[in-house]
Amino acid sequence: MYYISTGALLRKLAACDTEMGRRIKNVIESGGLPFDDIAITLWMYEISYNLRENQGICLDGAPRRLEEAKAFYAFLEYLNRKETTLIFLIDISREEAFLRLTKRRICKKCGQLIPWLGEYKNLTACDKCNGELEERADDTIEAINNRLDYFDDKVMKVVQYFKKKKMLIKINGEQSIEKVFEDILTEVEKSKKRSI
């Protein structure tokens, strides 16, 4: 499985001392999102240069806009992966999303994101490198509300798009991490049986 985090790609770009890096840094720090083509370009580049035949893709945090969804769908068609791709919506309420975003932390040393869930709530240091944990700079109340409003306005159009394409699978994200993972695996297994 090849994992791609759009947020991590954008943060990596924001750390670059380039015109685009500085622009992306400003957008991220204000809680916004860059224009469509940057995110599309970054994950298409990652997929094109790293994905092996018969390897799955886990694309986290994308697509977020309708134009990204259409570009991703066309890309899947080009790769002959449309029929074997599942789009998961890990569904949580706005209230739960707000709580998790205001409480999550990030490791100062390795950059690992520590969610506000289950056993992770009790961590006092990074479980990967023992680094110090801090709040993310873009997790202000105003920025979080902006992102949640954006989800309602823009991302729900993506959800509807993939629902119409019969590719969307909704998972209850307010369960334990283990149960969410189990439900995802169940859906993947169902999909494999349908494709045989």
Protein backbone atom coordinates (compact mmCIF):
# COMPACT_ATOMS: atom_id res chain seq x y z
CA MET A 1 0.00 0.00 0.00
CA TYR A 2 1.39 3.39 -0.98
CA TYR A 3 0.27 6.10 1.47
CA ILE A 4 -0.02 9.74 0.41
CA SER A 5 -0.98 12.53 2.80
CA THR A 6 -1.92 15.71 0.96
CA GLY A 7 -1.42 17.72 4.15
CA ALA A 8 2.11 16.32 4.60
CA LEU A 9 2.96 17.10 0.97
CA LEU A 10 1.73 20.67 1.38
CA ARG A 11 3.64 21.11 4.67
CA LYS A 12 6.79 19.77 2.97
CA LEU A 13 6.32 22.31 0.18
CA ALA A 14 5.65 25.07 2.75
CA ALA A 15 9.05 24.33 4.34
CA CYS A 16 10.83 25.08 1.03
CA ASP A 17 12.52 28.45 0.63
CA THR A 18 10.80 29.16 -2.69
CA GLU A 19 8.10 31.55 -3.82
CA MET A 20 5.56 28.72 -3.87
CA GLY A 21 6.78 27.41 -0.53
CA ARG A 22 6.25 30.81 1.11
CA ARG A 23 2.81 31.21 -0.49
CA ILE A 24 1.72 27.75 0.68
CA LYS A 25 3.07 28.45 4.19
CA ASN A 26 0.93 31.61 4.40
CA VAL A 27 -2.16 29.76 3.19
CA ILE A 28 -1.66 26.90 5.67
CA GLU A 29 -1.00 29.21 8.62
CA SER A 30 -4.21 31.11 7.89
CA GLY A 31 -6.16 27.82 7.87
CA GLY A 32 -6.87 27.98 4.15
CA LEU A 33 -6.25 25.67 1.23
CA PRO A 34 -4.13 26.37 -1.86
CA PHE A 35 -5.68 26.42 -5.32
CA ASP A 36 -6.73 23.08 -6.81
CA ASP A 37 -3.85 22.49 -9.18
CA ILE A 38 -1.16 22.45 -6.49
CA ALA A 39 -2.72 19.57 -4.52
CA ILE A 40 -3.57 17.68 -7.73
CA THR A 41 -0.02 18.15 -9.04
CA LEU A 42 1.58 17.00 -5.79
CA TRP A 43 -0.34 13.74 -5.42
CA MET A 44 -0.28 12.92 -9.14
CA TYR A 45 3.50 13.37 -9.01
CA GLU A 46 3.73 11.07 -5.96
CA ILE A 47 1.56 8.41 -7.59
CA SER A 48 3.34 8.63 -10.96
CA TYR A 49 6.85 8.33 -9.50
CA ASN A 50 6.21 5.83 -6.71
CA LEU A 51 3.20 3.57 -7.33
CA ARG A 52 4.01 0.04 -8.42
CA GLU A 53 1.77 -2.28 -10.40
CA ASN A 54 -0.70 -4.14 -8.15
CA GLN A 55 0.09 -1.78 -5.27
CA GLY A 56 -2.81 -0.06 -3.55
CA ILE A 57 -3.04 3.67 -2.87
CA CYS A 58 -4.19 5.29 0.34
CA LEU A 59 -4.77 8.95 -0.53
CA ASP A 60 -5.41 10.83 2.72
CA GLY A 61 -6.96 14.29 2.71
CA ALA A 62 -7.84 14.41 -0.97
CA PRO A 63 -9.70 15.07 -3.07
CA ARG A 64 -11.26 18.02 -1.26
CA ARG A 65 -12.75 19.93 -4.17
CA LEU A 66 -15.00 18.86 -7.02
CA GLU A 67 -12.37 19.66 -9.66
CA GLU A 68 -9.81 17.54 -7.74
CA ALA A 69 -12.34 14.69 -7.61
CA LYS A 70 -12.91 14.86 -11.36
CA ALA A 71 -9.15 14.96 -12.02
CA PHE A 72 -8.60 12.00 -9.68
CA TYR A 73 -11.40 10.02 -11.37
CA ALA A 74 -9.86 10.71 -14.82
CA PHE A 75 -6.44 9.68 -13.46
CA LEU A 76 -7.93 6.42 -12.15
CA GLU A 77 -9.46 5.77 -15.57
CA TYR A 78 -6.08 6.34 -17.21
CA LEU A 79 -4.45 3.88 -14.78
CA ASN A 80 -7.28 1.33 -15.26
CA ARG A 81 -7.97 1.49 -11.51
CA LYS A 82 -11.46 2.99 -11.48
CA GLU A 83 -13.22 -0.33 -10.88
CA THR A 84 -10.91 -1.36 -8.03
CA THR A 85 -10.84 1.95 -6.16
CA LEU A 86 -12.87 2.59 -3.02
CA ILE A 87 -13.50 6.06 -1.63
CA PHE A 88 -13.92 6.04 2.15
CA LEU A 89 -15.61 8.78 4.12
CA ILE A 90 -14.64 8.41 7.78
CA ASP A 91 -17.75 10.18 9.02
CA ILE A 92 -17.80 12.19 12.25
CA SER A 93 -19.99 15.02 13.46
CA ARG A 94 -18.84 18.63 13.26
CA GLU A 95 -18.71 18.74 17.06
CA GLU A 96 -16.42 15.70 17.21
CA ALA A 97 -14.22 17.08 14.42
CA PHE A 98 -13.87 20.39 16.29
CA LEU A 99 -12.92 18.59 19.51
CA ARG A 100 -10.32 16.40 17.80
CA LEU A 101 -8.75 19.28 15.89
CA THR A 102 -8.45 21.54 18.94
CA LYS A 103 -6.86 18.74 21.00
CA ARG A 104 -4.53 17.01 18.50
CA ARG A 105 -0.78 17.53 18.75
CA ILE A 106 2.26 17.18 16.54
CA CYS A 107 5.78 15.98 17.36
CA LYS A 108 8.35 18.80 17.20
CA LYS A 109 11.08 16.31 16.31
CA CYS A 110 9.66 13.97 13.63
CA GLY A 111 6.40 15.71 12.66
CA GLN A 112 4.13 12.79 13.49
CA LEU A 113 0.53 13.90 14.05
CA ILE A 114 -0.91 12.64 17.34
CA PRO A 115 -4.73 12.37 17.18
CA TRP A 116 -6.99 13.05 20.14
CA LEU A 117 -8.32 9.49 20.20
CA GLY A 118 -8.16 6.44 22.44
CA GLU A 119 -4.75 5.66 23.92
CA TYR A 120 -3.16 8.60 22.05
CA LYS A 121 -4.90 11.03 24.41
CA ASN A 122 -2.55 9.90 27.20
CA LEU A 123 0.74 10.40 25.34
CA THR A 124 3.11 12.91 26.90
CA ALA A 125 5.81 12.37 24.26
CA CYS A 126 5.87 11.07 20.68
CA ASP A 127 5.43 7.28 20.62
CA LYS A 128 7.67 7.12 17.54
CA CYS A 129 10.75 9.15 18.53
CA ASN A 130 10.01 10.38 22.09
CA GLY A 131 9.97 13.97 20.82
CA GLU A 132 8.14 16.85 22.50
CA LEU A 133 4.49 17.31 21.53
CA GLU A 134 2.93 20.66 20.68
CA GLU A 135 -0.24 22.05 19.13
CA ARG A 136 -0.19 22.59 15.38
CA ALA A 137 0.24 26.24 14.43
CA ASP A 138 -2.80 26.11 12.14
CA ASP A 139 -5.12 24.58 14.77
CA THR A 140 -6.54 27.86 16.04
CA ILE A 141 -10.29 28.01 16.73
CA GLU A 142 -10.84 30.42 13.83
CA ALA A 143 -8.80 28.30 11.38
CA ILE A 144 -10.57 25.11 12.48
CA ASN A 145 -14.00 26.69 12.01
CA ASN A 146 -12.90 27.89 8.57
CA ARG A 147 -11.84 24.35 7.63
CA LEU A 148 -15.10 22.86 8.92
CA ASP A 149 -17.13 25.45 6.98
CA TYR A 150 -15.03 24.60 3.93
CA PHE A 151 -15.84 20.92 4.40
CA ASP A 152 -19.57 21.62 4.50
CA ASP A 153 -19.40 23.90 1.46
CA LYS A 154 -16.85 22.17 -0.80
CA VAL A 155 -15.94 18.66 0.36
CA MET A 156 -19.56 17.53 0.60
CA LYS A 157 -19.79 18.11 -3.18
CA VAL A 158 -16.92 15.61 -3.57
CA VAL A 159 -18.76 13.16 -1.31
CA GLN A 160 -21.88 13.46 -3.49
CA TYR A 161 -19.80 13.09 -6.67
CA PHE A 162 -18.30 9.77 -5.58
CA LYS A 163 -21.63 8.63 -4.18
CA LYS A 164 -23.17 9.08 -7.65
CA LYS A 165 -20.24 7.13 -9.11
CA LYS A 166 -21.09 4.32 -6.62
CA MET A 167 -17.55 4.42 -5.22
CA LEU A 168 -18.26 5.95 -1.79
CA ILE A 169 -18.26 3.92 1.40
CA LYS A 170 -19.20 5.66 4.64
CA ILE A 171 -17.54 4.46 7.85
CA ASN A 172 -18.58 5.56 11.33
CA GLY A 173 -15.51 7.49 12.49
CA GLU A 174 -16.73 7.95 16.05
CA GLN A 175 -15.90 4.35 16.92
CA SER A 176 -12.54 3.19 18.25
CA ILE A 177 -9.57 3.28 15.86
CA GLU A 178 -9.55 -0.52 15.89
CA LYS A 179 -13.25 -0.73 14.92
CA VAL A 180 -12.86 1.86 12.14
CA PHE A 181 -9.92 -0.17 10.78
CA GLU A 182 -11.92 -3.41 11.03
CA ASP A 183 -14.86 -1.85 9.13
CA ILE A 184 -12.53 -0.61 6.39
CA LEU A 185 -10.96 -4.07 6.01
CA THR A 186 -14.44 -5.63 5.83
CA GLU A 187 -15.38 -3.30 2.96
CA VAL A 188 -12.09 -4.01 1.16
CA GLU A 189 -12.72 -7.76 1.43
CA LYS A 190 -16.30 -7.34 0.12
CA SER A 191 -14.92 -5.39 -2.83
CA LYS A 192 -12.37 -8.11 -3.63
CA LYS A 193 -15.12 -10.75 -3.67
CA ARG A 194 -17.26 -8.63 -6.01
CA SER A 195 -14.37 -8.20 -8.46
CA ILE A 196 -13.65 -11.96 -8.73
